Amino acid sequence: MGWEFVLIIIGINILYVSFFTLRLLMVIKGYRFLASIVAMVEVFVYLKGLGLVLDNLDNPVNLAAYCIGWGLGVFVGSKIEEFLALGYVTLQVVVDSVDLELPDKLRQCGFGVTSWVAEGRDGQRLMMQVLTKRTNEKKLWNHIYEIAPKAFVISLEPKQLRGGFWVKRLRP
């Protein structure tokens, strides 16, 4: 058992922790059934990997490989989830001018926008709340900053949605 074994331990842990990370995020976002399926694969990979390490604890390189694989697995799992972009996002947008046509332009791009005039420290501001799938979040940010480069934007992830004119289109 040499470097091949060390690479196997790292690979198994990357796989296991990636599944672990995805499962955890799926549970948080309400994808319980899918999370249960991922959990079955996750525990199988975990038991195989743990068995390999426990049978070979006499070599500290194996333990180091386990730790390295764990860290890489967190990174890979979070990148996979970012790529999948599960769920939805709400952007709260504050613009320093109420004359902008930003809400209408965002609506023309297919985004649901609720807007109102609010009072800020330095006068009236245009406030908007925009809901979209996470897969469209970057596109939404780009639209906002093309039209209003000084906009103040906060990104929030809603856990549950109900009502609204396009919620039926949002359901996974």
N, C-alpha and C. Protein backbone atom coordinates (compact mmCIF):
# COMPACT_ATOMS: atom_id res chain seq x y z
N MET A 1 0.84 -1.19 0.00
CA MET A 1 0.00 0.00 0.00
C MET A 1 0.88 1.24 0.00
N GLY A 2 0.75 2.02 -1.06
CA GLY A 2 1.57 3.21 -1.18
C GLY A 2 0.72 4.43 -1.44
N TRP A 3 1.22 5.25 -2.35
CA TRP A 3 0.53 6.50 -2.67
C TRP A 3 -0.83 6.27 -3.31
N GLU A 4 -0.98 5.13 -3.98
CA GLU A 4 -2.28 4.82 -4.56
C GLU A 4 -3.35 4.74 -3.48
N PHE A 5 -2.97 4.11 -2.35
CA PHE A 5 -3.90 3.96 -1.24
C PHE A 5 -4.25 5.32 -0.64
N VAL A 6 -3.24 6.17 -0.50
CA VAL A 6 -3.46 7.53 0.02
C VAL A 6 -4.42 8.28 -0.90
N LEU A 7 -4.24 8.17 -2.20
CA LEU A 7 -5.12 8.84 -3.15
C LEU A 7 -6.54 8.28 -3.11
N ILE A 8 -6.65 6.97 -2.86
CA ILE A 8 -7.98 6.36 -2.72
C ILE A 8 -8.70 6.95 -1.50
N ILE A 9 -7.97 7.07 -0.39
CA ILE A 9 -8.57 7.64 0.83
C ILE A 9 -9.01 9.08 0.58
N ILE A 10 -8.16 9.86 -0.06
CA ILE A 10 -8.51 11.25 -0.36
C ILE A 10 -9.74 11.30 -1.28
N GLY A 11 -9.74 10.47 -2.32
CA GLY A 11 -10.86 10.45 -3.26
C GLY A 11 -12.17 10.05 -2.61
N ILE A 12 -12.12 9.02 -1.76
CA ILE A 12 -13.33 8.58 -1.08
C ILE A 12 -13.86 9.69 -0.17
N ASN A 13 -12.97 10.37 0.53
CA ASN A 13 -13.42 11.44 1.42
C ASN A 13 -13.95 12.65 0.65
N ILE A 14 -13.34 12.96 -0.47
CA ILE A 14 -13.89 14.04 -1.30
C ILE A 14 -15.31 13.68 -1.72
N LEU A 15 -15.50 12.46 -2.15
CA LEU A 15 -16.82 11.99 -2.56
C LEU A 15 -17.80 12.02 -1.40
N TYR A 16 -17.38 11.44 -0.26
CA TYR A 16 -18.27 11.39 0.91
C TYR A 16 -18.67 12.77 1.39
N VAL A 17 -17.69 13.65 1.59
CA VAL A 17 -17.99 14.96 2.16
C VAL A 17 -18.76 15.82 1.15
N SER A 18 -18.54 15.62 -0.14
CA SER A 18 -19.34 16.32 -1.15
C SER A 18 -20.80 15.92 -1.02
N PHE A 19 -21.06 14.62 -0.89
CA PHE A 19 -22.43 14.15 -0.68
C PHE A 19 -23.00 14.70 0.63
N PHE A 20 -22.18 14.69 1.68
CA PHE A 20 -22.60 15.21 2.98
C PHE A 20 -23.02 16.68 2.86
N THR A 21 -22.18 17.48 2.19
CA THR A 21 -22.47 18.90 2.03
C THR A 21 -23.75 19.11 1.22
N LEU A 22 -23.88 18.39 0.12
CA LEU A 22 -25.08 18.50 -0.70
C LEU A 22 -26.33 18.10 0.07
N ARG A 23 -26.24 16.99 0.81
CA ARG A 23 -27.39 16.53 1.58
C ARG A 23 -27.82 17.58 2.60
N LEU A 24 -26.86 18.13 3.31
CA LEU A 24 -27.15 19.14 4.32
C LEU A 24 -27.84 20.35 3.69
N LEU A 25 -27.32 20.83 2.58
CA LEU A 25 -27.92 21.98 1.92
C LEU A 25 -29.30 21.66 1.37
N MET A 26 -29.49 20.43 0.89
CA MET A 26 -30.81 20.03 0.39
C MET A 26 -31.84 20.00 1.51
N VAL A 27 -31.44 19.52 2.68
CA VAL A 27 -32.36 19.51 3.82
C VAL A 27 -32.73 20.93 4.21
N ILE A 28 -31.75 21.81 4.28
CA ILE A 28 -32.00 23.20 4.65
C ILE A 28 -32.94 23.88 3.66
N LYS A 29 -32.81 23.55 2.39
CA LYS A 29 -33.63 24.18 1.36
C LYS A 29 -34.95 23.47 1.11
N GLY A 30 -35.22 22.40 1.85
CA GLY A 30 -36.52 21.74 1.77
C GLY A 30 -36.63 20.60 0.76
N TYR A 31 -35.51 20.14 0.20
CA TYR A 31 -35.53 19.02 -0.74
C TYR A 31 -35.32 17.72 0.03
N ARG A 32 -36.27 17.37 0.88
CA ARG A 32 -36.11 16.24 1.82
C ARG A 32 -35.97 14.90 1.12
N PHE A 33 -36.79 14.64 0.12
CA PHE A 33 -36.75 13.34 -0.55
C PHE A 33 -35.41 13.14 -1.25
N LEU A 34 -34.99 14.13 -2.00
CA LEU A 34 -33.71 14.06 -2.70
C LEU A 34 -32.56 13.93 -1.69
N ALA A 35 -32.66 14.65 -0.57
CA ALA A 35 -31.63 14.57 0.47
C ALA A 35 -31.56 13.16 1.05
N SER A 36 -32.68 12.49 1.17
CA SER A 36 -32.69 11.11 1.69
C SER A 36 -31.97 10.15 0.76
N ILE A 37 -32.17 10.34 -0.53
CA ILE A 37 -31.48 9.48 -1.51
C ILE A 37 -29.97 9.74 -1.47
N VAL A 38 -29.59 11.01 -1.42
CA VAL A 38 -28.17 11.36 -1.33
C VAL A 38 -27.57 10.78 -0.04
N ALA A 39 -28.33 10.79 1.04
CA ALA A 39 -27.85 10.27 2.33
C ALA A 39 -27.52 8.78 2.25
N MET A 40 -28.30 8.02 1.48
CA MET A 40 -28.02 6.59 1.35
C MET A 40 -26.68 6.36 0.65
N VAL A 41 -26.42 7.12 -0.40
CA VAL A 41 -25.14 7.01 -1.10
C VAL A 41 -24.01 7.50 -0.19
N GLU A 42 -24.27 8.60 0.49
CA GLU A 42 -23.28 9.19 1.39
C GLU A 42 -22.82 8.21 2.45
N VAL A 43 -23.73 7.54 3.11
CA VAL A 43 -23.36 6.63 4.20
C VAL A 43 -22.61 5.41 3.67
N PHE A 44 -22.96 4.95 2.48
CA PHE A 44 -22.23 3.83 1.88
C PHE A 44 -20.77 4.23 1.64
N VAL A 45 -20.56 5.38 1.02
CA VAL A 45 -19.20 5.86 0.74
C VAL A 45 -18.45 6.08 2.05
N TYR A 46 -19.13 6.65 3.04
CA TYR A 46 -18.52 6.92 4.34
C TYR A 46 -18.03 5.64 5.01
N LEU A 47 -18.88 4.63 5.03
CA LEU A 47 -18.50 3.38 5.70
C LEU A 47 -17.33 2.70 4.99
N LYS A 48 -17.33 2.73 3.67
CA LYS A 48 -16.21 2.15 2.92
C LYS A 48 -14.91 2.90 3.24
N GLY A 49 -14.96 4.22 3.21
CA GLY A 49 -13.77 5.03 3.48
C GLY A 49 -13.28 4.89 4.90
N LEU A 50 -14.20 4.92 5.84
CA LEU A 50 -13.83 4.80 7.25
C LEU A 50 -13.22 3.43 7.52
N GLY A 51 -13.80 2.41 6.89
CA GLY A 51 -13.25 1.06 7.05
C GLY A 51 -11.80 0.98 6.56
N LEU A 52 -11.52 1.58 5.44
CA LEU A 52 -10.16 1.60 4.92
C LEU A 52 -9.19 2.28 5.89
N VAL A 53 -9.60 3.42 6.43
CA VAL A 53 -8.73 4.17 7.33
C VAL A 53 -8.55 3.42 8.65
N LEU A 54 -9.64 2.91 9.21
CA LEU A 54 -9.54 2.21 10.50
C LEU A 54 -8.69 0.96 10.41
N ASP A 55 -8.71 0.30 9.26
CA ASP A 55 -7.88 -0.88 9.07
C ASP A 55 -6.40 -0.54 8.89
N ASN A 56 -6.11 0.73 8.68
CA ASN A 56 -4.74 1.15 8.40
C ASN A 56 -4.32 2.36 9.23
N LEU A 57 -4.74 2.37 10.49
CA LEU A 57 -4.43 3.50 11.38
C LEU A 57 -2.96 3.59 11.75
N ASP A 58 -2.22 2.55 11.51
CA ASP A 58 -0.81 2.55 11.89
C ASP A 58 0.02 3.52 11.06
N ASN A 59 -0.52 3.99 9.96
CA ASN A 59 0.23 4.90 9.10
C ASN A 59 -0.36 6.31 9.22
N PRO A 60 0.38 7.27 9.80
CA PRO A 60 -0.14 8.64 9.96
C PRO A 60 -0.43 9.32 8.61
N VAL A 61 0.20 8.87 7.55
CA VAL A 61 -0.07 9.44 6.22
C VAL A 61 -1.53 9.17 5.83
N ASN A 62 -2.04 8.01 6.23
CA ASN A 62 -3.44 7.68 5.93
C ASN A 62 -4.39 8.63 6.65
N LEU A 63 -4.07 8.95 7.90
CA LEU A 63 -4.89 9.90 8.65
C LEU A 63 -4.83 11.29 8.01
N ALA A 64 -3.62 11.68 7.59
CA ALA A 64 -3.47 12.97 6.92
C ALA A 64 -4.28 12.98 5.62
N ALA A 65 -4.26 11.88 4.89
CA ALA A 65 -5.02 11.78 3.65
C ALA A 65 -6.51 11.91 3.93
N TYR A 66 -6.97 11.32 5.03
CA TYR A 66 -8.38 11.41 5.42
C TYR A 66 -8.75 12.87 5.66
N CYS A 67 -7.89 13.58 6.39
CA CYS A 67 -8.15 14.99 6.71
C CYS A 67 -8.12 15.85 5.45
N ILE A 68 -7.15 15.61 4.59
CA ILE A 68 -7.06 16.37 3.34
C ILE A 68 -8.29 16.13 2.48
N GLY A 69 -8.71 14.88 2.38
CA GLY A 69 -9.90 14.54 1.61
C GLY A 69 -11.14 15.21 2.17
N TRP A 70 -11.23 15.29 3.49
CA TRP A 70 -12.37 15.94 4.15
C TRP A 70 -12.44 17.41 3.75
N GLY A 71 -11.31 18.11 3.87
CA GLY A 71 -11.28 19.53 3.51
C GLY A 71 -11.60 19.76 2.05
N LEU A 72 -11.02 18.96 1.17
CA LEU A 72 -11.31 19.09 -0.25
C LEU A 72 -12.78 18.76 -0.56
N GLY A 73 -13.33 17.81 0.19
CA GLY A 73 -14.73 17.44 0.00
C GLY A 73 -15.68 18.58 0.32
N VAL A 74 -15.40 19.34 1.37
CA VAL A 74 -16.23 20.51 1.70
C VAL A 74 -16.18 21.51 0.55
N PHE A 75 -14.98 21.74 0.03
CA PHE A 75 -14.83 22.69 -1.08
C PHE A 75 -15.58 22.20 -2.32
N VAL A 76 -15.35 20.95 -2.70
CA VAL A 76 -15.99 20.39 -3.90
C VAL A 76 -17.51 20.37 -3.75
N GLY A 77 -18.00 19.95 -2.58
CA GLY A 77 -19.45 19.90 -2.35
C GLY A 77 -20.09 21.27 -2.46
N SER A 78 -19.42 22.29 -1.91
CA SER A 78 -19.99 23.64 -1.99
C SER A 78 -19.95 24.17 -3.42
N LYS A 79 -18.94 23.80 -4.19
CA LYS A 79 -18.88 24.20 -5.59
C LYS A 79 -19.98 23.52 -6.41
N ILE A 80 -20.24 22.24 -6.11
CA ILE A 80 -21.31 21.52 -6.81
C ILE A 80 -22.65 22.18 -6.51
N GLU A 81 -22.90 22.49 -5.24
CA GLU A 81 -24.16 23.13 -4.87
C GLU A 81 -24.29 24.50 -5.53
N GLU A 82 -23.20 25.23 -5.59
CA GLU A 82 -23.21 26.54 -6.26
C GLU A 82 -23.55 26.37 -7.73
N PHE A 83 -23.02 25.33 -8.36
CA PHE A 83 -23.32 25.05 -9.76
C PHE A 83 -24.79 24.67 -9.95
N LEU A 84 -25.31 23.83 -9.04
CA LEU A 84 -26.71 23.42 -9.13
C LEU A 84 -27.66 24.58 -8.82
N ALA A 85 -27.22 25.49 -7.95
CA ALA A 85 -27.99 26.68 -7.56
C ALA A 85 -29.41 26.31 -7.15
N LEU A 86 -29.52 25.46 -6.16
CA LEU A 86 -30.82 25.02 -5.67
C LEU A 86 -31.56 26.17 -4.98
N GLY A 87 -32.84 26.24 -5.18
CA GLY A 87 -33.67 27.20 -4.46
C GLY A 87 -33.82 28.54 -5.16
N TYR A 88 -34.19 29.51 -4.36
CA TYR A 88 -34.55 30.83 -4.85
C TYR A 88 -33.77 31.88 -4.08
N VAL A 89 -33.79 33.09 -4.60
CA VAL A 89 -33.12 34.20 -3.96
C VAL A 89 -34.02 35.43 -4.08
N THR A 90 -34.01 36.24 -3.05
CA THR A 90 -34.70 37.52 -3.07
C THR A 90 -33.65 38.60 -2.95
N LEU A 91 -33.66 39.53 -3.88
CA LEU A 91 -32.76 40.67 -3.80
C LEU A 91 -33.57 41.87 -3.35
N GLN A 92 -33.09 42.51 -2.30
CA GLN A 92 -33.64 43.78 -1.84
C GLN A 92 -32.75 44.86 -2.42
N VAL A 93 -33.32 45.74 -3.18
CA VAL A 93 -32.55 46.74 -3.91
C VAL A 93 -32.97 48.13 -3.46
N VAL A 94 -31.98 48.96 -3.15
CA VAL A 94 -32.23 50.36 -2.79
C VAL A 94 -31.50 51.22 -3.81
N VAL A 95 -32.25 52.10 -4.47
CA VAL A 95 -31.69 52.97 -5.49
C VAL A 95 -31.90 54.42 -5.04
N ASP A 96 -30.90 55.27 -5.26
CA ASP A 96 -30.96 56.63 -4.73
C ASP A 96 -31.80 57.60 -5.56
N SER A 97 -32.48 57.11 -6.58
CA SER A 97 -33.35 57.95 -7.39
C SER A 97 -34.67 57.22 -7.60
N VAL A 98 -35.76 57.94 -7.40
CA VAL A 98 -37.07 57.30 -7.62
C VAL A 98 -37.52 57.43 -9.07
N ASP A 99 -36.73 58.11 -9.90
CA ASP A 99 -37.10 58.31 -11.31
C ASP A 99 -36.63 57.19 -12.22
N LEU A 100 -35.82 56.29 -11.73
CA LEU A 100 -35.30 55.23 -12.58
C LEU A 100 -36.41 54.30 -13.05
N GLU A 101 -36.20 53.74 -14.20
CA GLU A 101 -37.17 52.80 -14.77
C GLU A 101 -36.76 51.37 -14.46
N LEU A 102 -35.96 51.18 -13.46
CA LEU A 102 -35.42 49.87 -13.12
C LEU A 102 -36.49 48.80 -12.91
N PRO A 103 -37.56 49.07 -12.13
CA PRO A 103 -38.56 48.01 -11.95
C PRO A 103 -39.16 47.52 -13.26
N ASP A 104 -39.50 48.45 -14.15
CA ASP A 104 -40.10 48.05 -15.44
C ASP A 104 -39.10 47.28 -16.30
N LYS A 105 -37.84 47.72 -16.31
CA LYS A 105 -36.83 47.03 -17.10
C LYS A 105 -36.60 45.61 -16.57
N LEU A 106 -36.61 45.46 -15.26
CA LEU A 106 -36.45 44.12 -14.68
C LEU A 106 -37.66 43.24 -14.99
N ARG A 107 -38.84 43.83 -14.95
CA ARG A 107 -40.05 43.07 -15.31
C ARG A 107 -40.01 42.62 -16.76
N GLN A 108 -39.50 43.47 -17.65
CA GLN A 108 -39.38 43.11 -19.06
C GLN A 108 -38.41 41.94 -19.26
N CYS A 109 -37.48 41.78 -18.32
CA CYS A 109 -36.53 40.66 -18.38
C CYS A 109 -37.11 39.40 -17.73
N GLY A 110 -38.36 39.48 -17.24
CA GLY A 110 -39.02 38.31 -16.67
C GLY A 110 -38.94 38.18 -15.17
N PHE A 111 -38.40 39.18 -14.48
CA PHE A 111 -38.30 39.11 -13.02
C PHE A 111 -39.54 39.72 -12.39
N GLY A 112 -39.98 39.11 -11.28
CA GLY A 112 -41.09 39.66 -10.52
C GLY A 112 -40.55 40.74 -9.58
N VAL A 113 -41.08 41.94 -9.69
CA VAL A 113 -40.56 43.07 -8.92
C VAL A 113 -41.69 43.73 -8.16
N THR A 114 -41.48 43.95 -6.89
CA THR A 114 -42.36 44.78 -6.09
C THR A 114 -41.54 46.01 -5.71
N SER A 115 -42.08 47.19 -5.96
CA SER A 115 -41.31 48.40 -5.68
C SER A 115 -42.16 49.40 -4.91
N TRP A 116 -41.48 50.27 -4.20
CA TRP A 116 -42.13 51.33 -3.44
C TRP A 116 -41.10 52.42 -3.15
N VAL A 117 -41.60 53.58 -2.79
CA VAL A 117 -40.74 54.70 -2.43
C VAL A 117 -40.55 54.67 -0.92
N ALA A 118 -39.31 54.81 -0.49
CA ALA A 118 -38.99 54.80 0.94
C ALA A 118 -38.20 56.06 1.28
N GLU A 119 -38.09 56.33 2.55
CA GLU A 119 -37.36 57.49 3.02
C GLU A 119 -36.03 57.05 3.60
N GLY A 120 -34.93 57.55 3.04
CA GLY A 120 -33.59 57.26 3.52
C GLY A 120 -33.00 58.45 4.24
N ARG A 121 -31.78 58.34 4.70
CA ARG A 121 -31.13 59.44 5.42
C ARG A 121 -31.04 60.71 4.56
N ASP A 122 -30.79 60.51 3.27
CA ASP A 122 -30.60 61.66 2.39
C ASP A 122 -31.79 61.90 1.45
N GLY A 123 -32.95 61.41 1.80
CA GLY A 123 -34.13 61.66 0.98
C GLY A 123 -34.81 60.40 0.51
N GLN A 124 -35.63 60.57 -0.52
CA GLN A 124 -36.42 59.44 -1.03
C GLN A 124 -35.54 58.47 -1.80
N ARG A 125 -35.89 57.19 -1.65
CA ARG A 125 -35.19 56.10 -2.33
C ARG A 125 -36.23 55.18 -2.96
N LEU A 126 -35.82 54.55 -4.04
CA LEU A 126 -36.65 53.52 -4.66
C LEU A 126 -36.25 52.19 -4.04
N MET A 127 -37.20 51.49 -3.47
CA MET A 127 -36.97 50.16 -2.88
C MET A 127 -37.62 49.13 -3.78
N MET A 128 -36.92 48.02 -3.96
CA MET A 128 -37.47 46.92 -4.76
C MET A 128 -37.17 45.60 -4.07
N GLN A 129 -38.08 44.68 -4.27
CA GLN A 129 -37.88 43.31 -3.84
C GLN A 129 -38.08 42.45 -5.07
N VAL A 130 -37.04 41.64 -5.40
CA VAL A 130 -37.07 40.85 -6.62
C VAL A 130 -36.79 39.39 -6.27
N LEU A 131 -37.68 38.50 -6.68
CA LEU A 131 -37.54 37.08 -6.44
C LEU A 131 -37.15 36.38 -7.73
N THR A 132 -36.17 35.47 -7.64
CA THR A 132 -35.79 34.70 -8.82
C THR A 132 -35.17 33.38 -8.38
N LYS A 133 -35.05 32.45 -9.31
CA LYS A 133 -34.32 31.22 -9.04
C LYS A 133 -32.85 31.58 -8.88
N ARG A 134 -32.14 30.81 -8.06
CA ARG A 134 -30.72 31.08 -7.87
C ARG A 134 -29.93 30.94 -9.16
N THR A 135 -30.42 30.15 -10.09
CA THR A 135 -29.72 30.02 -11.37
C THR A 135 -29.72 31.34 -12.15
N ASN A 136 -30.65 32.24 -11.83
CA ASN A 136 -30.74 33.53 -12.51
C ASN A 136 -30.17 34.68 -11.70
N GLU A 137 -29.60 34.39 -10.55
CA GLU A 137 -29.17 35.46 -9.66
C GLU A 137 -28.10 36.36 -10.28
N LYS A 138 -27.08 35.79 -10.89
CA LYS A 138 -26.02 36.60 -11.49
C LYS A 138 -26.55 37.50 -12.60
N LYS A 139 -27.46 36.94 -13.40
CA LYS A 139 -28.07 37.73 -14.46
C LYS A 139 -28.84 38.92 -13.87
N LEU A 140 -29.55 38.68 -12.78
CA LEU A 140 -30.30 39.75 -12.12
C LEU A 140 -29.36 40.82 -11.59
N TRP A 141 -28.28 40.42 -10.92
CA TRP A 141 -27.29 41.38 -10.43
C TRP A 141 -26.76 42.23 -11.59
N ASN A 142 -26.44 41.59 -12.70
CA ASN A 142 -25.91 42.32 -13.85
C ASN A 142 -26.91 43.35 -14.38
N HIS A 143 -28.18 42.97 -14.49
CA HIS A 143 -29.21 43.91 -14.95
C HIS A 143 -29.30 45.11 -14.01
N ILE A 144 -29.29 44.83 -12.72
CA ILE A 144 -29.41 45.92 -11.74
C ILE A 144 -28.24 46.89 -11.89
N TYR A 145 -27.03 46.36 -11.96
CA TYR A 145 -25.86 47.24 -11.99
C TYR A 145 -25.63 47.90 -13.35
N GLU A 146 -26.20 47.36 -14.41
CA GLU A 146 -26.15 48.06 -15.70
C GLU A 146 -26.99 49.33 -15.64
N ILE A 147 -28.14 49.24 -15.00
CA ILE A 147 -29.09 50.35 -14.96
C ILE A 147 -28.80 51.29 -13.79
N ALA A 148 -28.42 50.73 -12.65
CA ALA A 148 -28.19 51.53 -11.44
C ALA A 148 -26.90 51.09 -10.77
N PRO A 149 -25.75 51.55 -11.24
CA PRO A 149 -24.46 51.08 -10.72
C PRO A 149 -24.23 51.37 -9.24
N LYS A 150 -24.95 52.35 -8.68
CA LYS A 150 -24.76 52.70 -7.27
C LYS A 150 -25.79 52.03 -6.36
N ALA A 151 -26.57 51.12 -6.89
CA ALA A 151 -27.62 50.47 -6.10
C ALA A 151 -27.01 49.72 -4.92
N PHE A 152 -27.75 49.74 -3.81
CA PHE A 152 -27.40 48.95 -2.63
C PHE A 152 -28.27 47.70 -2.68
N VAL A 153 -27.64 46.52 -2.69
CA VAL A 153 -28.38 45.28 -2.89
C VAL A 153 -28.05 44.30 -1.78
N ILE A 154 -29.09 43.66 -1.24
CA ILE A 154 -28.95 42.61 -0.25
C ILE A 154 -29.57 41.35 -0.84
N SER A 155 -28.86 40.24 -0.76
CA SER A 155 -29.35 38.98 -1.27
C SER A 155 -29.79 38.10 -0.10
N LEU A 156 -31.00 37.59 -0.17
CA LEU A 156 -31.57 36.73 0.87
C LEU A 156 -32.11 35.46 0.24
N GLU A 157 -32.08 34.35 0.98
CA GLU A 157 -32.64 33.11 0.46
C GLU A 157 -33.91 32.74 1.22
N PRO A 158 -35.06 32.88 0.56
CA PRO A 158 -36.31 32.50 1.22
C PRO A 158 -36.42 30.98 1.34
N LYS A 159 -36.96 30.53 2.44
CA LYS A 159 -37.12 29.09 2.63
C LYS A 159 -38.44 28.59 2.04
N GLN A 160 -39.49 29.39 2.19
CA GLN A 160 -40.81 29.00 1.67
C GLN A 160 -41.40 30.13 0.85
N LEU A 161 -42.17 29.76 -0.15
CA LEU A 161 -42.85 30.73 -1.00
C LEU A 161 -44.33 30.39 -1.05
N ARG A 162 -45.15 31.43 -1.07
CA ARG A 162 -46.59 31.21 -1.22
C ARG A 162 -47.19 32.47 -1.81
N GLY A 163 -48.04 32.32 -2.80
CA GLY A 163 -48.70 33.46 -3.41
C GLY A 163 -47.84 34.12 -4.47
N GLY A 164 -48.31 35.24 -4.94
CA GLY A 164 -47.58 35.95 -5.98
C GLY A 164 -48.04 35.51 -7.36
N PHE A 165 -47.74 36.35 -8.35
CA PHE A 165 -48.26 36.09 -9.69
C PHE A 165 -47.50 35.01 -10.44
N TRP A 166 -46.30 34.64 -10.00
CA TRP A 166 -45.55 33.65 -10.77
C TRP A 166 -45.00 32.52 -9.93
N VAL A 167 -45.53 32.32 -8.73
CA VAL A 167 -45.06 31.25 -7.86
C VAL A 167 -45.29 29.88 -8.49
N LYS A 168 -46.36 29.71 -9.23
CA LYS A 168 -46.61 28.41 -9.87
C LYS A 168 -45.50 28.06 -10.84
N ARG A 169 -44.88 29.07 -11.47
CA ARG A 169 -43.78 28.83 -12.38
C ARG A 169 -42.50 28.46 -11.63
N LEU A 170 -42.41 28.81 -10.35
CA LEU A 170 -41.19 28.60 -9.59
C LEU A 170 -41.04 27.21 -9.01
N ARG A 171 -42.13 26.52 -8.80
CA ARG A 171 -42.06 25.23 -8.12
C ARG A 171 -41.15 24.27 -8.87
N PRO A 172 -40.24 23.59 -8.10
CA PRO A 172 -39.33 22.63 -8.76
C PRO A 172 -40.05 21.41 -9.26
